[in-house]
C-alpha atoms as a PDB file:
ATOM      1  CA  MET A   1      21.045 -17.706  40.583  1.00  0.00           C
ATOM      2  CA  GLY A   2      21.480 -15.471  37.824  1.00  0.00           C
ATOM      3  CA  SER A   3      19.105 -13.728  36.215  1.00  0.00           C
ATOM      4  CA  ARG A   4      17.450 -13.534  33.196  1.00  0.00           C
ATOM      5  CA  ALA A   5      17.821 -10.897  29.702  1.00  0.00           C
ATOM      6  CA  ALA A   6      15.057 -10.266  27.645  1.00  0.00           C
ATOM      7  CA  ALA A   7      14.264  -8.735  24.273  1.00  0.00           C
ATOM      8  CA  ASN A   8      16.925 -10.050  21.482  1.00  0.00           C
ATOM      9  CA  ALA A   9      17.320  -8.613  17.948  1.00  0.00           C
ATOM     10  CA  GLY A  10      16.607 -10.837  14.685  1.00  0.00           C
ATOM     11  CA  ALA A  11      13.795 -12.757  16.305  1.00  0.00           C
ATOM     12  CA  SER A  12      10.860 -12.296  18.714  1.00  0.00           C
ATOM     13  CA  PHE A  13      11.738 -13.252  22.896  1.00  0.00           C
ATOM     14  CA  PRO A  14       9.918 -12.158  25.836  1.00  0.00           C
ATOM     15  CA  ASN A  15      10.480  -8.477  26.601  1.00  0.00           C
ATOM     16  CA  LYS A  16      11.372  -7.884  30.325  1.00  0.00           C
ATOM     17  CA  HIS A  17      10.260  -4.230  29.960  1.00  0.00           C
ATOM     18  CA  TYR A  18       6.851  -5.048  30.226  1.00  0.00           C
ATOM     19  CA  THR A  19       4.810  -2.213  32.564  1.00  0.00           C
ATOM     20  CA  ALA A  20       3.075  -4.807  34.672  1.00  0.00           C
ATOM     21  CA  VAL A  21       6.470  -5.896  36.170  1.00  0.00           C
ATOM     22  CA  VAL A  22       8.538  -2.913  38.006  1.00  0.00           C
ATOM     23  CA  MET A  23      12.682  -3.718  38.839  1.00  0.00           C
ATOM     24  CA  ALA A  24      14.001  -1.950  41.726  1.00  0.00           C
ATOM     25  CA  SER A  25      17.795  -0.817  40.865  1.00  0.00           C
ATOM     26  CA  THR A  26      20.362  -2.012  42.944  1.00  0.00           C
ATOM     27  CA  PHE A  27      23.233  -3.030  40.262  1.00  0.00           C
ATOM     28  CA  ASP A  28      25.618  -5.399  42.006  1.00  0.00           C
ATOM     29  CA  PRO A  29      27.873  -6.892  39.217  1.00  0.00           C
ATOM     30  CA  SER A  30      29.510  -9.435  42.053  1.00  0.00           C
ATOM     31  CA  GLN A  31      25.986 -11.594  41.048  1.00  0.00           C
ATOM     32  CA  LEU A  32      25.975 -11.454  37.692  1.00  0.00           C
ATOM     33  CA  HIS A  33      28.036 -14.502  35.844  1.00  0.00           C
ATOM     34  CA  ILE A  34      29.793 -14.004  31.960  1.00  0.00           C
ATOM     35  CA  LEU A  35      30.510 -16.543  29.677  1.00  0.00           C
ATOM     36  CA  LEU A  36      33.493 -16.753  27.639  1.00  0.00           C
ATOM     37  CA  VAL A  37      33.908 -18.354  24.262  1.00  0.00           C
ATOM     38  CA  ASP A  38      37.022 -18.136  22.278  1.00  0.00           C
ATOM     39  CA  ASP A  39      39.183 -21.153  21.731  1.00  0.00           C
ATOM     40  CA  GLU A  40      42.518 -18.565  21.914  1.00  0.00           C
ATOM     41  CA  GLU A  41      43.572 -18.993  25.367  1.00  0.00           C
ATOM     42  CA  ASP A  42      45.019 -15.304  25.500  1.00  0.00           C
ATOM     43  CA  VAL A  43      42.459 -13.964  24.016  1.00  0.00           C
ATOM     44  CA  VAL A  44      40.142 -15.204  27.198  1.00  0.00           C
ATOM     45  CA  GLU A  45      42.492 -14.678  29.703  1.00  0.00           C
ATOM     46  CA  VAL A  46      42.696 -10.764  28.522  1.00  0.00           C
ATOM     47  CA  VAL A  47      38.936 -10.263  28.693  1.00  0.00           C
ATOM     48  CA  SER A  48      38.340 -12.147  31.370  1.00  0.00           C
ATOM     49  CA  HIS A  49      41.375 -10.509  33.370  1.00  0.00           C
ATOM     50  CA  PHE A  50      39.282  -7.240  32.610  1.00  0.00           C
ATOM     51  CA  LEU A  51      36.123  -8.660  33.503  1.00  0.00           C
ATOM     52  CA  GLU A  52      36.710  -9.310  36.729  1.00  0.00           C
ATOM     53  CA  GLN A  53      38.016  -6.182  37.780  1.00  0.00           C
ATOM     54  CA  GLU A  54      34.569  -4.623  37.227  1.00  0.00           C
ATOM     55  CA  GLY A  55      33.359  -7.584  39.662  1.00  0.00           C
ATOM     56  CA  PHE A  56      31.857  -9.863  37.318  1.00  0.00           C
ATOM     57  CA  ASN A  57      31.732 -13.523  38.032  1.00  0.00           C
ATOM     58  CA  VAL A  58      33.609 -14.843  34.972  1.00  0.00           C
ATOM     59  CA  HIS A  59      33.200 -18.544  33.596  1.00  0.00           C
ATOM     60  CA  LYS A  60      35.339 -19.831  30.549  1.00  0.00           C
ATOM     61  CA  ALA A  61      35.153 -21.999  27.375  1.00  0.00           C
ATOM     62  CA  TYR A  62      37.135 -23.219  24.525  1.00  0.00           C
ATOM     63  CA  SER A  63      34.957 -25.296  21.987  1.00  0.00           C
ATOM     64  CA  GLY A  64      31.538 -25.742  20.720  1.00  0.00           C
ATOM     65  CA  ASN A  65      30.333 -27.682  23.132  1.00  0.00           C
ATOM     66  CA  ASP A  66      32.188 -26.957  26.409  1.00  0.00           C
ATOM     67  CA  ALA A  67      30.173 -22.912  25.389  1.00  0.00           C
ATOM     68  CA  LEU A  68      26.616 -25.193  25.507  1.00  0.00           C
ATOM     69  CA  GLU A  69      27.157 -27.371  28.132  1.00  0.00           C
ATOM     70  CA  LYS A  70      28.673 -23.894  30.199  1.00  0.00           C
ATOM     71  CA  ALA A  71      25.424 -21.992  28.438  1.00  0.00           C
ATOM     72  CA  THR A  72      23.122 -22.963  31.890  1.00  0.00           C
ATOM     73  CA  PRO A  73      20.621 -20.087  33.190  1.00  0.00           C
ATOM     74  CA  GLU A  74      22.706 -18.463  35.876  1.00  0.00           C
ATOM     75  CA  ILE A  75      24.858 -17.029  32.904  1.00  0.00           C
ATOM     76  CA  ASP A  76      23.297 -13.207  32.155  1.00  0.00           C
ATOM     77  CA  LEU A  77      25.667 -12.884  29.034  1.00  0.00           C
ATOM     78  CA  ILE A  78      27.847 -14.369  26.457  1.00  0.00           C
ATOM     79  CA  VAL A  79      30.858 -12.936  25.030  1.00  0.00           C
ATOM     80  CA  LEU A  80      30.833 -15.467  22.180  1.00  0.00           C
ATOM     81  CA  ASP A  81      33.476 -15.676  18.991  1.00  0.00           C
ATOM     82  CA  ILE A  82      32.785 -17.057  15.624  1.00  0.00           C
ATOM     83  CA  MET A  83      35.271 -19.997  14.994  1.00  0.00           C
ATOM     84  CA  LEU A  84      35.288 -22.367  17.156  1.00  0.00           C
ATOM     85  CA  PRO A  85      36.191 -25.768  17.379  1.00  0.00           C
ATOM     86  CA  GLU A  86      33.228 -28.309  17.136  1.00  0.00           C
ATOM     87  CA  MET A  87      31.125 -26.351  16.032  1.00  0.00           C
ATOM     88  CA  ASP A  88      31.100 -22.618  15.057  1.00  0.00           C
ATOM     89  CA  GLY A  89      28.950 -19.563  16.716  1.00  0.00           C
ATOM     90  CA  TYR A  90      26.826 -18.959  14.694  1.00  0.00           C
ATOM     91  CA  GLU A  91      25.537 -23.041  15.323  1.00  0.00           C
ATOM     92  CA  ILE A  92      25.913 -22.510  18.696  1.00  0.00           C
ATOM     93  CA  CYS A  93      23.763 -19.261  18.957  1.00  0.00           C
ATOM     94  CA  ARG A  94      21.165 -20.822  16.836  1.00  0.00           C
ATOM     95  CA  ARG A  95      20.316 -23.113  19.211  1.00  0.00           C
ATOM     96  CA  LEU A  96      20.780 -21.389  22.563  1.00  0.00           C
ATOM     97  CA  ARG A  97      18.244 -19.372  21.266  1.00  0.00           C
ATOM     98  CA  SER A  98      16.049 -22.345  20.590  1.00  0.00           C
ATOM     99  CA  ARG A  99      15.912 -23.769  24.022  1.00  0.00           C
ATOM    100  CA  VAL A 100      13.793 -22.368  26.067  1.00  0.00           C
ATOM    101  CA  GLU A 101      16.509 -21.693  29.476  1.00  0.00           C
ATOM    102  CA  THR A 102      18.602 -19.695  27.586  1.00  0.00           C
ATOM    103  CA  GLU A 103      16.946 -18.225  24.504  1.00  0.00           C
ATOM    104  CA  THR A 104      17.275 -14.521  26.009  1.00  0.00           C
ATOM    105  CA  ILE A 105      20.470 -14.627  27.237  1.00  0.00           C
ATOM    106  CA  PRO A 106      22.101 -11.681  25.500  1.00  0.00           C
ATOM    107  CA  ILE A 107      24.721 -12.588  23.268  1.00  0.00           C
ATOM    108  CA  VAL A 108      27.984 -10.389  22.349  1.00  0.00           C
ATOM    109  CA  PHE A 109      30.077 -12.180  19.362  1.00  0.00           C
ATOM    110  CA  LEU A 110      33.555 -11.342  19.154  1.00  0.00           C
ATOM    111  CA  SER A 111      35.355 -12.627  16.008  1.00  0.00           C
ATOM    112  CA  ALA A 112      38.050 -11.589  13.365  1.00  0.00           C
ATOM    113  CA  LYS A 113      35.005 -12.599  10.841  1.00  0.00           C
ATOM    114  CA  GLY A 114      34.106  -8.779  10.007  1.00  0.00           C
ATOM    115  CA  GLU A 115      32.431  -8.809   6.646  1.00  0.00           C
ATOM    116  CA  GLU A 116      29.580  -6.932   6.628  1.00  0.00           C
ATOM    117  CA  ASP A 117      27.463  -9.839   5.442  1.00  0.00           C
ATOM    118  CA  ASP A 118      29.162 -11.775   8.580  1.00  0.00           C
ATOM    119  CA  GLN A 119      27.725  -9.306  11.031  1.00  0.00           C
ATOM    120  CA  ILE A 120      24.092  -9.372   9.946  1.00  0.00           C
ATOM    121  CA  LYS A 121      24.018 -12.866   9.883  1.00  0.00           C
ATOM    122  CA  GLY A 122      25.000 -12.780  13.568  1.00  0.00           C
ATOM    123  CA  LEU A 123      22.283 -10.159  14.361  1.00  0.00           C
ATOM    124  CA  MET A 124      19.861 -12.186  12.699  1.00  0.00           C
ATOM    125  CA  LEU A 125      20.380 -14.879  14.178  1.00  0.00           C
ATOM    126  CA  GLY A 126      19.435 -13.459  17.968  1.00  0.00           C
ATOM    127  CA  ALA A 127      22.988 -11.561  18.963  1.00  0.00           C
ATOM    128  CA  ASP A 128      23.054  -8.363  21.248  1.00  0.00           C
ATOM    129  CA  ALA A 129      25.973  -7.076  19.466  1.00  0.00           C
ATOM    130  CA  TYR A 130      28.990  -7.848  16.849  1.00  0.00           C
ATOM    131  CA  LEU A 131      32.434  -6.636  17.577  1.00  0.00           C
ATOM    132  CA  THR A 132      35.498  -7.279  15.062  1.00  0.00           C
ATOM    133  CA  LYS A 133      38.939  -8.218  16.083  1.00  0.00           C
ATOM    134  CA  PRO A 134      41.039  -7.230  17.316  1.00  0.00           C
ATOM    135  CA  VAL A 135      39.324  -4.760  19.624  1.00  0.00           C
ATOM    136  CA  SER A 136      40.412  -3.252  22.905  1.00  0.00           C
ATOM    137  CA  PRO A 137      39.558  -5.173  26.416  1.00  0.00           C
ATOM    138  CA  GLN A 138      37.994  -1.904  27.567  1.00  0.00           C
ATOM    139  CA  VAL A 139      35.973  -1.041  24.581  1.00  0.00           C
ATOM    140  CA  ILE A 140      34.402  -5.152  24.693  1.00  0.00           C
ATOM    141  CA  VAL A 141      33.818  -4.562  28.603  1.00  0.00           C
ATOM    142  CA  ALA A 142      32.162  -1.383  27.777  1.00  0.00           C
ATOM    143  CA  HIS A 143      29.822  -3.225  25.108  1.00  0.00           C
ATOM    144  CA  VAL A 144      29.056  -6.020  28.163  1.00  0.00           C
ATOM    145  CA  LYS A 145      27.856  -3.552  30.604  1.00  0.00           C
ATOM    146  CA  ALA A 146      25.200  -1.555  27.547  1.00  0.00           C
ATOM    147  CA  VAL A 147      23.778  -4.699  26.300  1.00  0.00           C
ATOM    148  CA  LEU A 148      23.394  -5.620  30.050  1.00  0.00           C
ATOM    149  CA  ARG A 149      21.493  -2.024  30.379  1.00  0.00           C
ATOM    150  CA  ARG A 150      19.476  -3.079  27.157  1.00  0.00           C
ATOM    151  CA  SER A 151      18.397  -6.187  28.462  1.00  0.00           C
ATOM    152  CA  GLY A 152      17.520  -4.684  31.990  1.00  0.00           C
ATOM    153  CA  ILE A 153      19.549  -7.878  33.916  1.00  0.00           C
ATOM    154  CA  GLU A 154      21.405  -4.704  35.776  1.00  0.00           C
ATOM    155  CA  GLU A 155      18.108  -3.939  37.273  1.00  0.00           C
ATOM    156  CA  SER A 156      18.123  -5.594  40.713  1.00  0.00           C
ATOM    157  CA  ARG A 157      17.038  -8.775  41.728  1.00  0.00           C
ATOM    158  CA  THR A 158      13.259  -7.303  43.158  1.00  0.00           C
ATOM    159  CA  LEU A 159      10.210  -7.948  41.215  1.00  0.00           C
ATOM    160  CA  GLN A 160       6.778  -5.962  41.797  1.00  0.00           C
ATOM    161  CA  VAL A 161       3.699  -7.414  40.267  1.00  0.00           C
ATOM    162  CA  LYS A 162       0.987  -5.353  42.119  1.00  0.00           C
ATOM    163  CA  ASN A 163       0.664  -6.143  45.326  1.00  0.00           C
ATOM    164  CA  LEU A 164       3.236  -9.395  44.791  1.00  0.00           C
ATOM    165  CA  THR A 165       6.834  -8.762  45.658  1.00  0.00           C
ATOM    166  CA  ILE A 166       9.877 -11.392  44.522  1.00  0.00           C
ATOM    167  CA  TYR A 167      12.451 -11.253  46.279  1.00  0.00           C
ATOM    168  CA  GLU A 168      14.843 -13.216  43.602  1.00  0.00           C
ATOM    169  CA  ASP A 169      18.365 -12.948  45.956  1.00  0.00           C
ATOM    170  CA  GLU A 170      16.191 -14.210  49.172  1.00  0.00           C
ATOM    171  CA  TYR A 171      14.344 -17.348  46.854  1.00  0.00           C
ATOM    172  CA  ARG A 172      11.032 -16.287  48.623  1.00  0.00           C
ATOM    173  CA  ALA A 173       7.789 -14.031  47.529  1.00  0.00           C
ATOM    174  CA  SER A 174       5.445 -11.910  49.624  1.00  0.00           C
ATOM    175  CA  LEU A 175       1.768 -10.348  49.054  1.00  0.00           C
ATOM    176  CA  ASP A 176       0.447  -7.645  50.389  1.00  0.00           C
ATOM    177  CA  GLY A 177       3.961  -7.388  52.809  1.00  0.00           C
ATOM    178  CA  LYS A 178       3.149 -11.570  54.090  1.00  0.00           C
ATOM    179  CA  ASP A 179       5.411 -13.968  52.966  1.00  0.00           C
ATOM    180  CA  LEU A 180       4.140 -16.417  51.132  1.00  0.00           C
ATOM    181  CA  GLY A 181       6.689 -19.561  52.797  1.00  0.00           C
ATOM    182  CA  LEU A 182       6.707 -20.832  49.143  1.00  0.00           C
ATOM    183  CA  THR A 183       8.795 -24.020  48.273  1.00  0.00           C
ATOM    184  CA  LEU A 184      12.035 -23.676  46.038  1.00  0.00           C
ATOM    185  CA  THR A 185      10.031 -25.312  42.979  1.00  0.00           C
ATOM    186  CA  GLU A 186       7.025 -23.135  43.768  1.00  0.00           C
ATOM    187  CA  PHE A 187       9.091 -20.400  43.536  1.00  0.00           C
ATOM    188  CA  GLU A 188      10.612 -20.377  41.064  1.00  0.00           C
ATOM    189  CA  LEU A 189       7.966 -21.554  38.729  1.00  0.00           C
ATOM    190  CA  VAL A 190       6.207 -18.189  39.461  1.00  0.00           C
ATOM    191  CA  ARG A 191       9.437 -16.011  38.533  1.00  0.00           C
ATOM    192  CA  TYR A 192       9.992 -18.178  35.142  1.00  0.00           C
ATOM    193  CA  LEU A 193       6.060 -17.844  34.882  1.00  0.00           C
ATOM    194  CA  VAL A 194       6.407 -13.461  35.726  1.00  0.00           C
ATOM    195  CA  ARG A 195       9.489 -12.822  33.939  1.00  0.00           C
ATOM    196  CA  HIS A 196       7.821 -14.407  30.784  1.00  0.00           C
ATOM    197  CA  PRO A 197       4.219 -12.415  30.773  1.00  0.00           C
ATOM    198  CA  ARG A 198       1.537 -13.880  28.555  1.00  0.00           C
ATOM    199  CA  LYS A 199       3.620 -16.562  26.613  1.00  0.00           C
ATOM    200  CA  ALA A 200       2.157 -19.961  27.019  1.00  0.00           C
ATOM    201  CA  PHE A 201       4.906 -23.051  28.436  1.00  0.00           C
ATOM    202  CA  THR A 202       4.186 -26.512  27.805  1.00  0.00           C
ATOM    203  CA  ARG A 203       4.429 -28.596  30.696  1.00  0.00           C
ATOM    204  CA  GLN A 204       7.121 -30.121  28.966  1.00  0.00           C
ATOM    205  CA  GLN A 205       8.939 -27.253  29.175  1.00  0.00           C
ATOM    206  CA  LEU A 206       8.129 -26.172  32.554  1.00  0.00           C
ATOM    207  CA  LEU A 207       9.997 -29.653  33.764  1.00  0.00           C
ATOM    208  CA  GLU A 208      13.408 -29.173  31.475  1.00  0.00           C
ATOM    209  CA  THR A 209      13.339 -25.430  33.142  1.00  0.00           C
ATOM    210  CA  ILE A 210      12.603 -26.135  36.716  1.00  0.00           C
ATOM    211  CA  TRP A 211      13.490 -29.814  37.259  1.00  0.00           C
ATOM    212  CA  LYS A 212      16.002 -30.238  35.189  1.00  0.00           C
ATOM    213  CA  ASP A 213      17.458 -33.455  35.323  1.00  0.00           C
ATOM    214  CA  ALA A 214      15.204 -34.799  38.065  1.00  0.00           C
ATOM    215  CA  MET A 215      14.417 -38.354  37.690  1.00  0.00           C
ATOM    216  CA  MET A 216      10.747 -39.555  38.350  1.00  0.00           C
ATOM    217  CA  VAL A 217       9.259 -36.557  37.603  1.00  0.00           C
ATOM    218  CA  THR A 218       6.147 -36.244  35.074  1.00  0.00           C
ATOM    219  CA  GLU A 219       3.458 -33.214  33.522  1.00  0.00           C
ATOM    220  CA  ARG A 220       1.711 -34.224  36.950  1.00  0.00           C
ATOM    221  CA  THR A 221       3.706 -33.142  38.765  1.00  0.00           C
ATOM    222  CA  VAL A 222       3.518 -29.539  37.059  1.00  0.00           C
ATOM    223  CA  ASP A 223       0.363 -29.914  37.611  1.00  0.00           C
ATOM    224  CA  ALA A 224       0.427 -30.119  41.601  1.00  0.00           C
ATOM    225  CA  HIS A 225       3.427 -28.028  42.099  1.00  0.00           C
ATOM    226  CA  ILE A 226       1.173 -25.056  40.023  1.00  0.00           C
ATOM    227  CA  LYS A 227      -2.142 -25.868  41.655  1.00  0.00           C
ATOM    228  CA  ASN A 228      -0.231 -25.055  46.113  1.00  0.00           C
ATOM    229  CA  LEU A 229       1.090 -21.942  44.174  1.00  0.00           C
ATOM    230  CA  ARG A 230      -2.647 -20.933  43.495  1.00  0.00           C
ATOM    231  CA  GLU A 231      -3.234 -21.867  47.040  1.00  0.00           C
ATOM    232  CA  LYS A 232      -1.228 -20.147  48.363  1.00  0.00           C
ATOM    233  CA  LEU A 233      -1.510 -16.904  46.192  1.00  0.00           C
ATOM    234  CA  GLY A 234      -5.090 -16.736  46.771  1.00  0.00           C
ATOM    235  CA  SER A 235      -7.160 -14.423  44.364  1.00  0.00           C
ATOM    236  CA  PHE A 236      -3.865 -13.163  42.950  1.00  0.00           C
ATOM    237  CA  ALA A 237      -3.826 -16.765  41.341  1.00  0.00           C
ATOM    238  CA  GLN A 238      -5.904 -15.864  38.250  1.00  0.00           C
ATOM    239  CA  HIS A 239      -2.781 -14.317  37.223  1.00  0.00           C
ATOM    240  CA  ILE A 240      -1.534 -18.125  36.470  1.00  0.00           C
ATOM    241  CA  GLN A 241      -3.803 -19.024  33.474  1.00  0.00           C
ATOM    242  CA  THR A 242      -4.396 -22.391  32.639  1.00  0.00           C
ATOM    243  CA  VAL A 243      -3.975 -22.515  28.771  1.00  0.00           C
ATOM    244  CA  ARG A 244      -6.110 -25.340  27.586  1.00  0.00           C
ATOM    245  CA  GLY A 245      -4.057 -28.132  25.800  1.00  0.00           C
ATOM    246  CA  VAL A 246      -1.666 -26.083  26.435  1.00  0.00           C
ATOM    247  CA  GLY A 247      -0.048 -25.879  29.823  1.00  0.00           C
ATOM    248  CA  TYR A 248       0.076 -22.098  31.927  1.00  0.00           C
ATOM    249  CA  ARG A 249       1.077 -18.673  31.795  1.00  0.00           C
ATOM    250  CA  PHE A 250       1.242 -15.595  33.642  1.00  0.00           C
ATOM    251  CA  VAL A 251      -1.398 -12.579  32.548  1.00  0.00           C
ATOM    252  CA  GLU A 252      -1.024  -9.207  34.146  1.00  0.00           C
ATOM    253  CA  GLU A 253      -5.363  -9.406  33.983  1.00  0.00           C
ATOM    254  CA  GLY A 254      -7.239 -12.663  33.542  1.00  0.00           C
ATOM    255  CA  SER A 255      -9.049 -15.320  35.036  1.00  0.00           C
ATOM    256  CA  LEU A 256      -7.254 -18.663  35.802  1.00  0.00           C
ATOM    257  CA  GLU A 257      -8.708 -20.414  32.960  1.00  0.00           C
ATOM    258  CA  GLU A 258      -7.542 -19.047  28.964  1.00  0.00           C
ATOM    259  CA  ALA A 259     -10.824 -17.398  27.022  1.00  0.00           C
END
């Protein structure tokens, strides 16, 4: 599963460069997934070729609806055209930024619309970069790498929070070097909360992000898994805080209940 991105221009999004979490640096482009969205097939083929040469996994979309369907949390960055069938790139960007599971995915606009107002609009909607066609594939690849570096995605899949270590590639976590034996759902929960420090999530948001389209799950399911996760975390459970009337969040310091 691809990692998630951090800050985006023009809006307030979770910052992944928080001091409580240390990410080890082992960049491997073969672990990263790029979604390339453009209705011009020749553009898609040429740009995807250069990205794949660098080792990235490239997913392709040719319309607005296709892009929204393929923009899953596994995607690490999106290269997005503006003039698309069904809906334009601005609307796609707006929708992605409004969804919890995609709000932090970096977006690089690639468009023939080169007026200053077009660029400002794209950046204000939350894009991380704006490139105007025609532009060489090498420049596109360079901007993709630069945005990934700024957003922290190129950092490794290991998160260190005090004495808790989360091994993202291995889907496991340890406390003081001892494996916690987390279930997949417990692992996804603790990783997601840690990657969004101080941000409170409703139970419904966690259901939609962690359980996705699973049937027969309710908000009580979230509470049950949080309870089990806290039991395994022991004293470290104080960092997963209950926000009354809302849900849960991860805090660097604190108690189980919101002050």
